[in-house]
C-alpha atoms as a PDB file:
ATOM      1  CA  UNK A   1      26.001 -17.033 -10.777  1.00  0.00           C
ATOM      2  CA  UNK A   2      23.219 -14.128  -9.486  1.00  0.00           C
ATOM      3  CA  UNK A   3      23.472 -12.833  -5.963  1.00  0.00           C
ATOM      4  CA  UNK A   4      20.481 -12.319  -4.189  1.00  0.00           C
ATOM      5  CA  UNK A   5      20.168  -8.766  -3.201  1.00  0.00           C
ATOM      6  CA  UNK A   6      18.508  -9.680   0.285  1.00  0.00           C
ATOM      7  CA  UNK A   7      21.286 -11.814   1.043  1.00  0.00           C
ATOM      8  CA  UNK A   8      19.406 -15.105   1.010  1.00  0.00           C
ATOM      9  CA  UNK A   9      21.230 -18.452   0.640  1.00  0.00           C
ATOM     10  CA  UNK A  10      18.263 -20.607  -0.546  1.00  0.00           C
ATOM     11  CA  UNK A  11      14.796 -19.854  -1.835  1.00  0.00           C
ATOM     12  CA  UNK A  12      11.552 -20.202   0.040  1.00  0.00           C
ATOM     13  CA  UNK A  13       9.613 -18.723   3.009  1.00  0.00           C
ATOM     14  CA  UNK A  14       8.897 -20.065   6.050  1.00  0.00           C
ATOM     15  CA  UNK A  15       5.132 -19.297   5.905  1.00  0.00           C
ATOM     16  CA  UNK A  16       3.133 -17.759   2.692  1.00  0.00           C
ATOM     17  CA  UNK A  17      -0.083 -16.291   2.916  1.00  0.00           C
ATOM     18  CA  UNK A  18      -2.135 -15.882  -0.223  1.00  0.00           C
ATOM     19  CA  UNK A  19      -5.071 -13.414  -0.261  1.00  0.00           C
ATOM     20  CA  UNK A  20      -7.855 -13.679  -3.104  1.00  0.00           C
ATOM     21  CA  UNK A  21      -7.681 -11.224  -5.526  1.00  0.00           C
ATOM     22  CA  UNK A  22     -10.048 -12.285  -7.600  1.00  0.00           C
ATOM     23  CA  UNK A  23     -12.793 -10.042  -9.262  1.00  0.00           C
ATOM     24  CA  UNK A  24     -15.963 -11.422 -11.104  1.00  0.00           C
ATOM     25  CA  UNK A  25     -18.045  -9.238 -13.523  1.00  0.00           C
ATOM     26  CA  UNK A  26     -21.050  -7.525 -11.787  1.00  0.00           C
ATOM     27  CA  UNK A  27     -24.044  -9.801 -11.977  1.00  0.00           C
ATOM     28  CA  UNK A  28     -21.992 -12.971 -11.887  1.00  0.00           C
ATOM     29  CA  UNK A  29     -23.778 -16.112 -10.401  1.00  0.00           C
ATOM     30  CA  UNK A  30     -20.892 -16.192  -7.486  1.00  0.00           C
ATOM     31  CA  UNK A  31     -19.567 -13.188  -5.583  1.00  0.00           C
ATOM     32  CA  UNK A  32     -15.787 -12.548  -5.476  1.00  0.00           C
ATOM     33  CA  UNK A  33     -13.373 -11.195  -2.935  1.00  0.00           C
ATOM     34  CA  UNK A  34     -11.934  -8.121  -4.276  1.00  0.00           C
ATOM     35  CA  UNK A  35     -15.368  -6.015  -4.058  1.00  0.00           C
ATOM     36  CA  UNK A  36     -15.209  -6.969  -0.391  1.00  0.00           C
ATOM     37  CA  UNK A  37     -11.957  -5.248   0.248  1.00  0.00           C
ATOM     38  CA  UNK A  38      -9.406  -7.992  -0.174  1.00  0.00           C
ATOM     39  CA  UNK A  39      -6.695  -6.306  -1.701  1.00  0.00           C
ATOM     40  CA  UNK A  40      -6.815  -3.336   0.969  1.00  0.00           C
ATOM     41  CA  UNK A  41      -6.696  -6.227   3.678  1.00  0.00           C
ATOM     42  CA  UNK A  42      -3.681  -8.019   1.817  1.00  0.00           C
ATOM     43  CA  UNK A  43      -1.860  -4.498   1.980  1.00  0.00           C
ATOM     44  CA  UNK A  44      -2.611  -4.195   5.578  1.00  0.00           C
ATOM     45  CA  UNK A  45      -1.492  -7.564   6.320  1.00  0.00           C
ATOM     46  CA  UNK A  46       1.867  -6.910   4.356  1.00  0.00           C
ATOM     47  CA  UNK A  47       2.443  -3.503   6.187  1.00  0.00           C
ATOM     48  CA  UNK A  48       2.065  -5.290   9.592  1.00  0.00           C
ATOM     49  CA  UNK A  49       4.261  -7.814   8.466  1.00  0.00           C
ATOM     50  CA  UNK A  50       7.024  -5.306   7.928  1.00  0.00           C
ATOM     51  CA  UNK A  51       6.086  -3.406  10.882  1.00  0.00           C
ATOM     52  CA  UNK A  52       6.243  -6.059  13.223  1.00  0.00           C
ATOM     53  CA  UNK A  53       9.669  -7.426  11.658  1.00  0.00           C
ATOM     54  CA  UNK A  54       8.278 -10.934  10.813  1.00  0.00           C
ATOM     55  CA  UNK A  55      10.734 -12.715   8.827  1.00  0.00           C
ATOM     56  CA  UNK A  56      10.537 -15.621   6.425  1.00  0.00           C
ATOM     57  CA  UNK A  57       7.037 -14.472   5.542  1.00  0.00           C
ATOM     58  CA  UNK A  58       5.451 -13.509   2.157  1.00  0.00           C
ATOM     59  CA  UNK A  59       1.891 -12.141   1.932  1.00  0.00           C
ATOM     60  CA  UNK A  60       0.766 -11.777  -1.747  1.00  0.00           C
ATOM     61  CA  UNK A  61      -2.182 -11.671  -3.912  1.00  0.00           C
ATOM     62  CA  UNK A  62      -3.544 -14.835  -5.409  1.00  0.00           C
ATOM     63  CA  UNK A  63      -5.819 -15.873  -8.208  1.00  0.00           C
ATOM     64  CA  UNK A  64      -9.403 -17.239  -7.173  1.00  0.00           C
ATOM     65  CA  UNK A  65      -9.143 -19.528  -4.001  1.00  0.00           C
ATOM     66  CA  UNK A  66     -12.564 -20.584  -4.911  1.00  0.00           C
ATOM     67  CA  UNK A  67     -14.231 -19.650  -1.526  1.00  0.00           C
ATOM     68  CA  UNK A  68     -15.163 -16.233  -2.494  1.00  0.00           C
ATOM     69  CA  UNK A  69     -18.697 -16.825  -0.702  1.00  0.00           C
ATOM     70  CA  UNK A  70     -16.719 -16.818   2.530  1.00  0.00           C
ATOM     71  CA  UNK A  71     -14.493 -14.017   1.438  1.00  0.00           C
ATOM     72  CA  UNK A  72     -12.293 -12.212   1.639  1.00  0.00           C
ATOM     73  CA  UNK A  73     -10.337 -15.521   1.867  1.00  0.00           C
ATOM     74  CA  UNK A  74      -6.761 -16.040   2.712  1.00  0.00           C
ATOM     75  CA  UNK A  75      -4.642 -19.275   3.005  1.00  0.00           C
ATOM     76  CA  UNK A  76      -1.661 -19.585   5.035  1.00  0.00           C
ATOM     77  CA  UNK A  77       1.021 -22.469   3.820  1.00  0.00           C
ATOM     78  CA  UNK A  78       2.791 -24.794   4.571  1.00  0.00           C
ATOM     79  CA  UNK A  79      -0.160 -25.493   6.931  1.00  0.00           C
ATOM     80  CA  UNK A  80      -2.769 -24.760   4.483  1.00  0.00           C
ATOM     81  CA  UNK A  81      -4.922 -22.942   7.063  1.00  0.00           C
ATOM     82  CA  UNK A  82      -8.048 -21.032   5.778  1.00  0.00           C
ATOM     83  CA  UNK A  83      -9.336 -17.451   6.861  1.00  0.00           C
ATOM     84  CA  UNK A  84     -12.143 -15.590   6.368  1.00  0.00           C
ATOM     85  CA  UNK A  85     -10.875 -12.005   6.630  1.00  0.00           C
ATOM     86  CA  UNK A  86     -13.751 -10.482   8.048  1.00  0.00           C
ATOM     87  CA  UNK A  87     -12.883  -8.369  11.140  1.00  0.00           C
ATOM     88  CA  UNK A  88      -9.840  -7.111  13.080  1.00  0.00           C
ATOM     89  CA  UNK A  89      -9.465 -10.100  15.081  1.00  0.00           C
ATOM     90  CA  UNK A  90      -9.235 -12.379  12.397  1.00  0.00           C
ATOM     91  CA  UNK A  91      -6.316 -10.380  10.784  1.00  0.00           C
ATOM     92  CA  UNK A  92      -4.616 -10.375  14.256  1.00  0.00           C
ATOM     93  CA  UNK A  93      -4.957 -14.238  14.175  1.00  0.00           C
ATOM     94  CA  UNK A  94      -3.491 -14.287  10.622  1.00  0.00           C
ATOM     95  CA  UNK A  95      -0.656 -12.067  11.910  1.00  0.00           C
ATOM     96  CA  UNK A  96      -0.088 -14.563  14.616  1.00  0.00           C
ATOM     97  CA  UNK A  97       0.027 -17.428  12.369  1.00  0.00           C
ATOM     98  CA  UNK A  98       2.499 -15.959  10.337  1.00  0.00           C
ATOM     99  CA  UNK A  99       4.814 -14.811  13.282  1.00  0.00           C
ATOM    100  CA  UNK A 100       4.799 -18.087  15.370  1.00  0.00           C
ATOM    101  CA  UNK A 101       2.867 -20.874  13.731  1.00  0.00           C
ATOM    102  CA  UNK A 102       0.086 -20.800  16.291  1.00  0.00           C
ATOM    103  CA  UNK A 103      -3.586 -21.060  14.770  1.00  0.00           C
ATOM    104  CA  UNK A 104      -6.500 -20.021  16.137  1.00  0.00           C
ATOM    105  CA  UNK A 105      -9.313 -22.382  15.328  1.00  0.00           C
ATOM    106  CA  UNK A 106     -12.077 -19.724  16.201  1.00  0.00           C
ATOM    107  CA  UNK A 107     -10.515 -17.693  13.557  1.00  0.00           C
ATOM    108  CA  UNK A 108     -10.392 -20.145  10.640  1.00  0.00           C
ATOM    109  CA  UNK A 109     -12.613 -20.478   7.817  1.00  0.00           C
ATOM    110  CA  UNK A 110     -15.773 -22.192   8.800  1.00  0.00           C
ATOM    111  CA  UNK A 111     -18.286 -23.446   6.101  1.00  0.00           C
ATOM    112  CA  UNK A 112     -21.837 -23.620   6.742  1.00  0.00           C
END
């Protein structure tokens, strides 16, 4: 049997954040999140999770989340809470969500 190098006893995470890493060709009918800085934001979230020692959490790039018009977008599971990563306040809300499960409704994705 393979031994996990991190000492985990079972698979999974308490929370999992996916940040859209989709990029459509220039001139496409719809926008995409990567040109809006989604990968830099993902790296910032990852760094902050490590810096704050938030355990049981995974932050990673996803394929298209299909809400690029509101992007850069992020979804946190298991709650299935969606965010538009538009400012520092929203990034802090995602970090708090990842750390404690607390969701700030004023920072979640709002569709017009």
